[in-house]
C-alpha atoms as a PDB file:
ATOM      1  CA  UNK A   1     135.638  86.084  84.382  1.00  0.00           C
ATOM      2  CA  UNK A   2     138.186  84.637  86.867  1.00  0.00           C
ATOM      3  CA  UNK A   3     141.772  85.935  86.493  1.00  0.00           C
ATOM      4  CA  UNK A   4     144.399  83.211  86.007  1.00  0.00           C
ATOM      5  CA  UNK A   5     148.078  83.121  85.607  1.00  0.00           C
ATOM      6  CA  UNK A   6     148.723  80.183  83.410  1.00  0.00           C
ATOM      7  CA  UNK A   7     151.927  78.372  82.432  1.00  0.00           C
ATOM      8  CA  UNK A   8     151.709  75.608  79.863  1.00  0.00           C
ATOM      9  CA  UNK A   9     154.472  73.337  78.688  1.00  0.00           C
ATOM     10  CA  UNK A  10     154.352  70.435  76.122  1.00  0.00           C
ATOM     11  CA  UNK A  11     156.917  67.619  75.931  1.00  0.00           C
ATOM     12  CA  UNK A  12     157.276  65.402  72.814  1.00  0.00           C
ATOM     13  CA  UNK A  13     157.217  61.624  73.567  1.00  0.00           C
ATOM     14  CA  UNK A  14     160.115  59.420  72.520  1.00  0.00           C
ATOM     15  CA  UNK A  15     159.944  57.677  69.239  1.00  0.00           C
ATOM     16  CA  UNK A  16     158.669  54.369  70.832  1.00  0.00           C
ATOM     17  CA  UNK A  17     155.572  56.160  72.097  1.00  0.00           C
ATOM     18  CA  UNK A  18     154.659  58.322  69.194  1.00  0.00           C
ATOM     19  CA  UNK A  19     152.107  55.736  67.884  1.00  0.00           C
ATOM     20  CA  UNK A  20     150.048  55.913  71.121  1.00  0.00           C
ATOM     21  CA  UNK A  21     150.805  59.312  72.813  1.00  0.00           C
ATOM     22  CA  UNK A  22     150.545  62.684  71.176  1.00  0.00           C
ATOM     23  CA  UNK A  23     152.426  64.575  73.987  1.00  0.00           C
ATOM     24  CA  UNK A  24     153.037  64.930  77.698  1.00  0.00           C
ATOM     25  CA  UNK A  25     152.130  68.329  79.169  1.00  0.00           C
ATOM     26  CA  UNK A  26     152.349  70.332  82.313  1.00  0.00           C
ATOM     27  CA  UNK A  27     150.144  73.229  83.309  1.00  0.00           C
ATOM     28  CA  UNK A  28     149.967  75.490  86.304  1.00  0.00           C
ATOM     29  CA  UNK A  29     147.052  77.780  86.994  1.00  0.00           C
ATOM     30  CA  UNK A  30     147.135  80.538  89.801  1.00  0.00           C
ATOM     31  CA  UNK A  31     143.792  81.992  90.438  1.00  0.00           C
ATOM     32  CA  UNK A  32     143.315  85.367  92.309  1.00  0.00           C
ATOM     33  CA  UNK A  33     140.002  83.950  93.632  1.00  0.00           C
ATOM     34  CA  UNK A  34     139.472  81.388  96.271  1.00  0.00           C
ATOM     35  CA  UNK A  35     137.394  79.129  93.877  1.00  0.00           C
ATOM     36  CA  UNK A  36     137.128  79.431  90.077  1.00  0.00           C
ATOM     37  CA  UNK A  37     135.838  77.462  87.166  1.00  0.00           C
ATOM     38  CA  UNK A  38     137.321  76.744  83.761  1.00  0.00           C
ATOM     39  CA  UNK A  39     136.056  75.153  80.738  1.00  0.00           C
ATOM     40  CA  UNK A  40     137.532  72.113  78.918  1.00  0.00           C
ATOM     41  CA  UNK A  41     136.455  72.012  75.209  1.00  0.00           C
ATOM     42  CA  UNK A  42     136.058  68.674  73.285  1.00  0.00           C
ATOM     43  CA  UNK A  43     138.917  67.604  70.982  1.00  0.00           C
ATOM     44  CA  UNK A  44     140.178  64.500  69.290  1.00  0.00           C
ATOM     45  CA  UNK A  45     142.208  63.129  72.238  1.00  0.00           C
ATOM     46  CA  UNK A  46     141.721  61.170  75.395  1.00  0.00           C
ATOM     47  CA  UNK A  47     143.921  62.301  78.328  1.00  0.00           C
ATOM     48  CA  UNK A  48     145.178  60.755  81.592  1.00  0.00           C
ATOM     49  CA  UNK A  49     145.252  63.622  84.118  1.00  0.00           C
ATOM     50  CA  UNK A  50     147.345  63.858  87.341  1.00  0.00           C
ATOM     51  CA  UNK A  51     146.687  66.931  89.351  1.00  0.00           C
ATOM     52  CA  UNK A  52     148.100  68.604  92.359  1.00  0.00           C
ATOM     53  CA  UNK A  53     145.805  70.868  94.378  1.00  0.00           C
ATOM     54  CA  UNK A  54     141.998  70.834  94.270  1.00  0.00           C
ATOM     55  CA  UNK A  55     139.776  69.777  91.297  1.00  0.00           C
ATOM     56  CA  UNK A  56     136.143  68.912  90.874  1.00  0.00           C
ATOM     57  CA  UNK A  57     133.817  68.539  88.007  1.00  0.00           C
ATOM     58  CA  UNK A  58     130.659  70.598  87.669  1.00  0.00           C
ATOM     59  CA  UNK A  59     128.013  70.832  85.034  1.00  0.00           C
ATOM     60  CA  UNK A  60     129.038  67.632  83.207  1.00  0.00           C
ATOM     61  CA  UNK A  61     127.364  65.138  85.565  1.00  0.00           C
ATOM     62  CA  UNK A  62     125.009  67.248  87.622  1.00  0.00           C
ATOM     63  CA  UNK A  63     126.361  68.741  90.777  1.00  0.00           C
ATOM     64  CA  UNK A  64     130.009  69.297  91.954  1.00  0.00           C
ATOM     65  CA  UNK A  65     132.013  66.027  92.140  1.00  0.00           C
ATOM     66  CA  UNK A  66     135.612  65.933  93.514  1.00  0.00           C
ATOM     67  CA  UNK A  67     137.935  64.108  91.075  1.00  0.00           C
ATOM     68  CA  UNK A  68     140.602  61.632  92.163  1.00  0.00           C
ATOM     69  CA  UNK A  69     144.097  61.928  90.812  1.00  0.00           C
ATOM     70  CA  UNK A  70     144.622  60.381  88.213  1.00  0.00           C
ATOM     71  CA  UNK A  71     141.480  60.235  86.141  1.00  0.00           C
ATOM     72  CA  UNK A  72     140.727  59.927  82.427  1.00  0.00           C
ATOM     73  CA  UNK A  73     139.342  62.825  80.500  1.00  0.00           C
ATOM     74  CA  UNK A  74     137.850  60.881  77.634  1.00  0.00           C
ATOM     75  CA  UNK A  75     136.412  62.141  74.364  1.00  0.00           C
ATOM     76  CA  UNK A  76     133.792  64.792  75.208  1.00  0.00           C
ATOM     77  CA  UNK A  77     130.564  65.599  73.224  1.00  0.00           C
ATOM     78  CA  UNK A  78     130.128  68.857  75.171  1.00  0.00           C
ATOM     79  CA  UNK A  79     132.285  71.210  77.253  1.00  0.00           C
ATOM     80  CA  UNK A  80     133.188  70.001  80.732  1.00  0.00           C
ATOM     81  CA  UNK A  81     133.477  72.592  83.563  1.00  0.00           C
ATOM     82  CA  UNK A  82     136.053  71.975  86.231  1.00  0.00           C
ATOM     83  CA  UNK A  83     136.335  73.903  89.466  1.00  0.00           C
ATOM     84  CA  UNK A  84     139.590  74.527  91.342  1.00  0.00           C
ATOM     85  CA  UNK A  85     140.891  76.557  94.282  1.00  0.00           C
ATOM     86  CA  UNK A  86     143.890  78.864  94.220  1.00  0.00           C
ATOM     87  CA  UNK A  87     146.916  77.031  92.706  1.00  0.00           C
ATOM     88  CA  UNK A  88     146.335  73.998  90.452  1.00  0.00           C
ATOM     89  CA  UNK A  89     149.154  72.017  88.718  1.00  0.00           C
ATOM     90  CA  UNK A  90     148.510  69.251  86.132  1.00  0.00           C
ATOM     91  CA  UNK A  91     150.502  66.684  84.337  1.00  0.00           C
ATOM     92  CA  UNK A  92     148.623  65.221  81.422  1.00  0.00           C
ATOM     93  CA  UNK A  93     149.222  62.331  78.972  1.00  0.00           C
ATOM     94  CA  UNK A  94     147.466  63.197  75.735  1.00  0.00           C
ATOM     95  CA  UNK A  95     146.693  59.869  74.041  1.00  0.00           C
ATOM     96  CA  UNK A  96     145.182  58.948  70.705  1.00  0.00           C
ATOM     97  CA  UNK A  97     141.630  57.603  71.654  1.00  0.00           C
ATOM     98  CA  UNK A  98     142.104  54.339  69.875  1.00  0.00           C
ATOM     99  CA  UNK A  99     145.251  53.526  72.019  1.00  0.00           C
ATOM    100  CA  UNK A 100     144.546  54.813  75.568  1.00  0.00           C
ATOM    101  CA  UNK A 101     142.575  51.841  76.800  1.00  0.00           C
ATOM    102  CA  UNK A 102     144.871  49.262  75.448  1.00  0.00           C
ATOM    103  CA  UNK A 103     147.737  51.235  76.899  1.00  0.00           C
ATOM    104  CA  UNK A 104     146.089  50.996  80.353  1.00  0.00           C
ATOM    105  CA  UNK A 105     144.664  47.503  79.924  1.00  0.00           C
ATOM    106  CA  UNK A 106     141.102  48.779  80.435  1.00  0.00           C
ATOM    107  CA  UNK A 107     137.850  48.263  78.601  1.00  0.00           C
ATOM    108  CA  UNK A 108     136.907  51.080  76.321  1.00  0.00           C
ATOM    109  CA  UNK A 109     133.899  53.152  76.958  1.00  0.00           C
ATOM    110  CA  UNK A 110     132.198  56.517  76.238  1.00  0.00           C
ATOM    111  CA  UNK A 111     132.705  58.064  79.635  1.00  0.00           C
ATOM    112  CA  UNK A 112     133.441  61.758  79.388  1.00  0.00           C
ATOM    113  CA  UNK A 113     135.298  61.616  82.655  1.00  0.00           C
ATOM    114  CA  UNK A 114     136.302  58.215  83.933  1.00  0.00           C
ATOM    115  CA  UNK A 115     137.339  57.471  87.571  1.00  0.00           C
ATOM    116  CA  UNK A 116     139.818  54.618  87.412  1.00  0.00           C
ATOM    117  CA  UNK A 117     141.398  52.164  89.924  1.00  0.00           C
ATOM    118  CA  UNK A 118     144.642  51.397  88.248  1.00  0.00           C
ATOM    119  CA  UNK A 119     148.318  50.720  89.199  1.00  0.00           C
ATOM    120  CA  UNK A 120     149.219  54.064  87.535  1.00  0.00           C
ATOM    121  CA  UNK A 121     147.885  55.786  90.553  1.00  0.00           C
ATOM    122  CA  UNK A 122     151.037  54.721  92.374  1.00  0.00           C
ATOM    123  CA  UNK A 123     152.829  57.485  90.501  1.00  0.00           C
ATOM    124  CA  UNK A 124     150.854  60.101  92.352  1.00  0.00           C
ATOM    125  CA  UNK A 125     153.144  60.222  95.399  1.00  0.00           C
ATOM    126  CA  UNK A 126     156.417  60.268  93.374  1.00  0.00           C
ATOM    127  CA  UNK A 127     154.974  62.985  91.073  1.00  0.00           C
ATOM    128  CA  UNK A 128     153.797  65.060  93.994  1.00  0.00           C
ATOM    129  CA  UNK A 129     157.285  65.067  95.417  1.00  0.00           C
ATOM    130  CA  UNK A 130     158.793  66.202  92.155  1.00  0.00           C
ATOM    131  CA  UNK A 131     156.154  68.849  91.626  1.00  0.00           C
ATOM    132  CA  UNK A 132     156.516  70.336  95.111  1.00  0.00           C
ATOM    133  CA  UNK A 133     160.221  70.747  94.356  1.00  0.00           C
ATOM    134  CA  UNK A 134     159.449  72.390  90.972  1.00  0.00           C
ATOM    135  CA  UNK A 135     161.203  69.535  89.151  1.00  0.00           C
ATOM    136  CA  UNK A 136     158.782  69.384  86.193  1.00  0.00           C
ATOM    137  CA  UNK A 137     161.269  67.754  83.786  1.00  0.00           C
ATOM    138  CA  UNK A 138     161.992  65.049  86.282  1.00  0.00           C
ATOM    139  CA  UNK A 139     158.189  64.397  86.765  1.00  0.00           C
ATOM    140  CA  UNK A 140     157.819  64.073  83.052  1.00  0.00           C
ATOM    141  CA  UNK A 141     160.766  61.669  82.893  1.00  0.00           C
ATOM    142  CA  UNK A 142     159.121  59.481  85.495  1.00  0.00           C
ATOM    143  CA  UNK A 143     155.830  59.454  83.479  1.00  0.00           C
ATOM    144  CA  UNK A 144     157.609  58.661  80.317  1.00  0.00           C
ATOM    145  CA  UNK A 145     159.314  55.767  81.824  1.00  0.00           C
ATOM    146  CA  UNK A 146     156.139  54.277  83.056  1.00  0.00           C
ATOM    147  CA  UNK A 147     154.557  54.497  79.633  1.00  0.00           C
ATOM    148  CA  UNK A 148     157.598  53.067  77.920  1.00  0.00           C
ATOM    149  CA  UNK A 149     157.119  50.010  80.123  1.00  0.00           C
ATOM    150  CA  UNK A 150     153.384  49.850  79.559  1.00  0.00           C
ATOM    151  CA  UNK A 151     153.829  50.327  75.792  1.00  0.00           C
ATOM    152  CA  UNK A 152     156.296  47.391  75.470  1.00  0.00           C
ATOM    153  CA  UNK A 153     153.645  45.033  77.078  1.00  0.00           C
ATOM    154  CA  UNK A 154     150.913  45.544  74.542  1.00  0.00           C
ATOM    155  CA  UNK A 155     150.663  44.018  71.084  1.00  0.00           C
ATOM    156  CA  UNK A 156     150.740  46.290  68.133  1.00  0.00           C
ATOM    157  CA  UNK A 157     147.504  46.386  65.976  1.00  0.00           C
ATOM    158  CA  UNK A 158     148.869  47.710  62.697  1.00  0.00           C
ATOM    159  CA  UNK A 159     145.282  48.292  61.441  1.00  0.00           C
ATOM    160  CA  UNK A 160     144.457  50.753  64.060  1.00  0.00           C
ATOM    161  CA  UNK A 161     147.786  52.519  63.937  1.00  0.00           C
ATOM    162  CA  UNK A 162     147.497  52.806  60.076  1.00  0.00           C
ATOM    163  CA  UNK A 163     143.934  54.141  60.452  1.00  0.00           C
ATOM    164  CA  UNK A 164     144.939  56.561  63.090  1.00  0.00           C
ATOM    165  CA  UNK A 165     147.817  57.811  61.071  1.00  0.00           C
ATOM    166  CA  UNK A 166     145.580  58.529  58.136  1.00  0.00           C
ATOM    167  CA  UNK A 167     143.034  60.266  60.226  1.00  0.00           C
ATOM    168  CA  UNK A 168     145.672  62.456  61.876  1.00  0.00           C
ATOM    169  CA  UNK A 169     147.310  63.365  58.638  1.00  0.00           C
ATOM    170  CA  UNK A 170     144.009  64.508  57.259  1.00  0.00           C
ATOM    171  CA  UNK A 171     142.887  66.208  60.562  1.00  0.00           C
ATOM    172  CA  UNK A 172     139.789  64.145  60.479  1.00  0.00           C
ATOM    173  CA  UNK A 173     138.619  65.312  56.960  1.00  0.00           C
ATOM    174  CA  UNK A 174     138.748  61.870  55.418  1.00  0.00           C
ATOM    175  CA  UNK A 175     135.938  59.481  54.579  1.00  0.00           C
ATOM    176  CA  UNK A 176     135.622  56.225  56.554  1.00  0.00           C
ATOM    177  CA  UNK A 177     136.206  54.369  53.180  1.00  0.00           C
ATOM    178  CA  UNK A 178     139.619  56.141  52.705  1.00  0.00           C
ATOM    179  CA  UNK A 179     140.496  55.415  56.394  1.00  0.00           C
ATOM    180  CA  UNK A 180     139.796  51.629  55.753  1.00  0.00           C
ATOM    181  CA  UNK A 181     141.780  51.691  52.523  1.00  0.00           C
ATOM    182  CA  UNK A 182     144.780  53.269  54.397  1.00  0.00           C
ATOM    183  CA  UNK A 183     144.485  50.475  56.990  1.00  0.00           C
ATOM    184  CA  UNK A 184     144.157  47.796  54.388  1.00  0.00           C
ATOM    185  CA  UNK A 185     140.856  46.687  55.975  1.00  0.00           C
ATOM    186  CA  UNK A 186     137.188  46.474  55.080  1.00  0.00           C
ATOM    187  CA  UNK A 187     135.003  49.284  56.520  1.00  0.00           C
ATOM    188  CA  UNK A 188     133.203  46.678  58.673  1.00  0.00           C
ATOM    189  CA  UNK A 189     136.494  45.307  60.207  1.00  0.00           C
ATOM    190  CA  UNK A 190     137.793  48.880  60.691  1.00  0.00           C
ATOM    191  CA  UNK A 191     134.732  50.068  62.468  1.00  0.00           C
ATOM    192  CA  UNK A 192     134.456  46.933  64.688  1.00  0.00           C
ATOM    193  CA  UNK A 193     138.136  47.267  65.857  1.00  0.00           C
ATOM    194  CA  UNK A 194     137.980  50.961  66.156  1.00  0.00           C
ATOM    195  CA  UNK A 195     134.871  50.785  68.410  1.00  0.00           C
ATOM    196  CA  UNK A 196     136.410  48.046  70.499  1.00  0.00           C
ATOM    197  CA  UNK A 197     139.559  50.111  71.123  1.00  0.00           C
ATOM    198  CA  UNK A 198     138.130  53.528  71.588  1.00  0.00           C
ATOM    199  CA  UNK A 199     134.359  53.136  72.339  1.00  0.00           C
ATOM    200  CA  UNK A 200     133.658  55.366  69.373  1.00  0.00           C
ATOM    201  CA  UNK A 201     133.278  55.181  65.557  1.00  0.00           C
ATOM    202  CA  UNK A 202     135.652  56.447  63.110  1.00  0.00           C
ATOM    203  CA  UNK A 203     133.150  59.117  62.164  1.00  0.00           C
ATOM    204  CA  UNK A 204     132.734  60.180  65.797  1.00  0.00           C
ATOM    205  CA  UNK A 205     136.418  60.704  66.234  1.00  0.00           C
ATOM    206  CA  UNK A 206     136.817  62.411  62.849  1.00  0.00           C
ATOM    207  CA  UNK A 207     134.067  64.799  63.738  1.00  0.00           C
ATOM    208  CA  UNK A 208     135.919  65.811  66.988  1.00  0.00           C
ATOM    209  CA  UNK A 209     139.184  66.169  65.099  1.00  0.00           C
ATOM    210  CA  UNK A 210     137.592  68.566  62.565  1.00  0.00           C
ATOM    211  CA  UNK A 211     135.806  70.528  65.393  1.00  0.00           C
ATOM    212  CA  UNK A 212     139.225  70.901  67.060  1.00  0.00           C
ATOM    213  CA  UNK A 213     140.630  72.394  63.886  1.00  0.00           C
ATOM    214  CA  UNK A 214     137.775  74.935  63.653  1.00  0.00           C
ATOM    215  CA  UNK A 215     138.126  75.748  67.294  1.00  0.00           C
ATOM    216  CA  UNK A 216     141.837  76.326  67.198  1.00  0.00           C
ATOM    217  CA  UNK A 217     141.449  78.454  64.050  1.00  0.00           C
ATOM    218  CA  UNK A 218     138.843  80.619  65.661  1.00  0.00           C
ATOM    219  CA  UNK A 219     140.885  80.923  68.818  1.00  0.00           C
ATOM    220  CA  UNK A 220     143.952  82.145  66.934  1.00  0.00           C
ATOM    221  CA  UNK A 221     142.097  84.037  64.242  1.00  0.00           C
ATOM    222  CA  UNK A 222     138.565  85.009  65.457  1.00  0.00           C
ATOM    223  CA  UNK A 223     137.724  86.875  62.275  1.00  0.00           C
ATOM    224  CA  UNK A 224     138.336  83.797  59.999  1.00  0.00           C
ATOM    225  CA  UNK A 225     135.877  83.189  57.190  1.00  0.00           C
ATOM    226  CA  UNK A 226     133.484  80.372  58.224  1.00  0.00           C
ATOM    227  CA  UNK A 227     132.791  79.586  54.560  1.00  0.00           C
ATOM    228  CA  UNK A 228     136.452  79.222  53.829  1.00  0.00           C
ATOM    229  CA  UNK A 229     136.871  77.068  56.943  1.00  0.00           C
ATOM    230  CA  UNK A 230     134.029  74.779  55.873  1.00  0.00           C
ATOM    231  CA  UNK A 231     135.477  74.322  52.412  1.00  0.00           C
ATOM    232  CA  UNK A 232     139.010  73.674  53.850  1.00  0.00           C
ATOM    233  CA  UNK A 233     137.895  71.178  56.394  1.00  0.00           C
ATOM    234  CA  UNK A 234     135.570  69.192  54.266  1.00  0.00           C
ATOM    235  CA  UNK A 235     132.180  70.363  55.611  1.00  0.00           C
ATOM    236  CA  UNK A 236     129.268  70.343  53.242  1.00  0.00           C
ATOM    237  CA  UNK A 237     128.849  74.036  53.718  1.00  0.00           C
ATOM    238  CA  UNK A 238     129.011  76.887  56.387  1.00  0.00           C
ATOM    239  CA  UNK A 239     125.648  75.688  57.924  1.00  0.00           C
ATOM    240  CA  UNK A 240     127.025  72.231  58.328  1.00  0.00           C
ATOM    241  CA  UNK A 241     130.070  73.617  60.099  1.00  0.00           C
ATOM    242  CA  UNK A 242     127.991  75.813  62.359  1.00  0.00           C
ATOM    243  CA  UNK A 243     125.659  72.851  63.360  1.00  0.00           C
ATOM    244  CA  UNK A 244     128.681  70.586  64.148  1.00  0.00           C
ATOM    245  CA  UNK A 245     130.446  73.412  66.004  1.00  0.00           C
ATOM    246  CA  UNK A 246     127.295  74.028  68.167  1.00  0.00           C
ATOM    247  CA  UNK A 247     126.872  70.418  68.751  1.00  0.00           C
ATOM    248  CA  UNK A 248     130.281  70.103  70.511  1.00  0.00           C
ATOM    249  CA  UNK A 249     130.728  73.613  71.936  1.00  0.00           C
ATOM    250  CA  UNK A 250     127.245  74.526  72.914  1.00  0.00           C
ATOM    251  CA  UNK A 251     127.534  77.795  71.114  1.00  0.00           C
ATOM    252  CA  UNK A 252     127.726  79.171  67.563  1.00  0.00           C
ATOM    253  CA  UNK A 253     131.097  79.915  65.853  1.00  0.00           C
ATOM    254  CA  UNK A 254     130.257  83.610  65.788  1.00  0.00           C
ATOM    255  CA  UNK A 255     129.471  83.681  69.525  1.00  0.00           C
ATOM    256  CA  UNK A 256     132.705  81.603  70.202  1.00  0.00           C
ATOM    257  CA  UNK A 257     134.694  84.202  68.132  1.00  0.00           C
ATOM    258  CA  UNK A 258     133.290  87.116  70.110  1.00  0.00           C
ATOM    259  CA  UNK A 259     133.983  85.382  73.394  1.00  0.00           C
ATOM    260  CA  UNK A 260     137.435  84.538  72.222  1.00  0.00           C
ATOM    261  CA  UNK A 261     138.291  88.125  71.621  1.00  0.00           C
ATOM    262  CA  UNK A 262     137.193  89.100  75.104  1.00  0.00           C
ATOM    263  CA  UNK A 263     138.982  86.224  76.653  1.00  0.00           C
ATOM    264  CA  UNK A 264     142.207  86.941  74.913  1.00  0.00           C
ATOM    265  CA  UNK A 265     142.035  90.598  76.069  1.00  0.00           C
ATOM    266  CA  UNK A 266     141.520  89.390  79.540  1.00  0.00           C
ATOM    267  CA  UNK A 267     144.524  87.076  79.277  1.00  0.00           C
ATOM    268  CA  UNK A 268     146.732  89.850  77.910  1.00  0.00           C
ATOM    269  CA  UNK A 269     145.553  92.120  80.813  1.00  0.00           C
ATOM    270  CA  UNK A 270     146.797  89.355  83.236  1.00  0.00           C
ATOM    271  CA  UNK A 271     149.660  87.074  82.150  1.00  0.00           C
ATOM    272  CA  UNK A 272     149.915  83.845  80.370  1.00  0.00           C
ATOM    273  CA  UNK A 273     153.058  82.049  79.379  1.00  0.00           C
ATOM    274  CA  UNK A 274     153.154  79.165  76.908  1.00  0.00           C
ATOM    275  CA  UNK A 275     156.388  77.348  76.696  1.00  0.00           C
ATOM    276  CA  UNK A 276     156.935  74.359  74.324  1.00  0.00           C
ATOM    277  CA  UNK A 277     159.706  71.926  74.843  1.00  0.00           C
END
């Protein structure tokens, strides 16, 4: 397994952006190897990714494909493998999937990774300058200012925001009928608007949100009871949880837990810092 030194910081968005953006984040990865791969697991968010260094995708769309900066990491239905060289720095904008395309003024879609031509790319030069000087906070300030302007230019769809709030509060373990009730809409209207805005159904996104909860629990507590997790997160039973977990991760919960223990040991033997702001 490649050895990384990783620093990760998260930044809370201002109140005006909390209905569209979960957080801004910065991460640096220093590898002891010339070239190394790392895995991005599915979750319930879509992300806009700016990076500084070298980054390619491999194993998602066959072959190795250099990625431009920025690009969109959409909702994934399987892990994505990214390849980098030496030092990689990233600024990410973690968005709710039902808001990201409206925020950028783009048509929705199911692209796992989407290459975009968009005015937001003009930020790359400015951010590169800040990152080279180590001014991470200043870089985040520039990104925040951009999205405050972008957010002010889009109409608010209260139905989607109410639906999203209900899904977030329940971590995805809520029936579509209850999401519709929270949004004061019929199921048909909710599904139509949700698919238009995100490219996915409410059930699709809820499934990813629940998977994310299981994944995070097993990462922090690899010996967790799967039966208890299944009950807590609204799966029919342990078998249902295991099938859904394998669907999104490509592996079983038990294998993921074993691998997690090994990976955490490797991390402890190297150095990882997690800083939250």
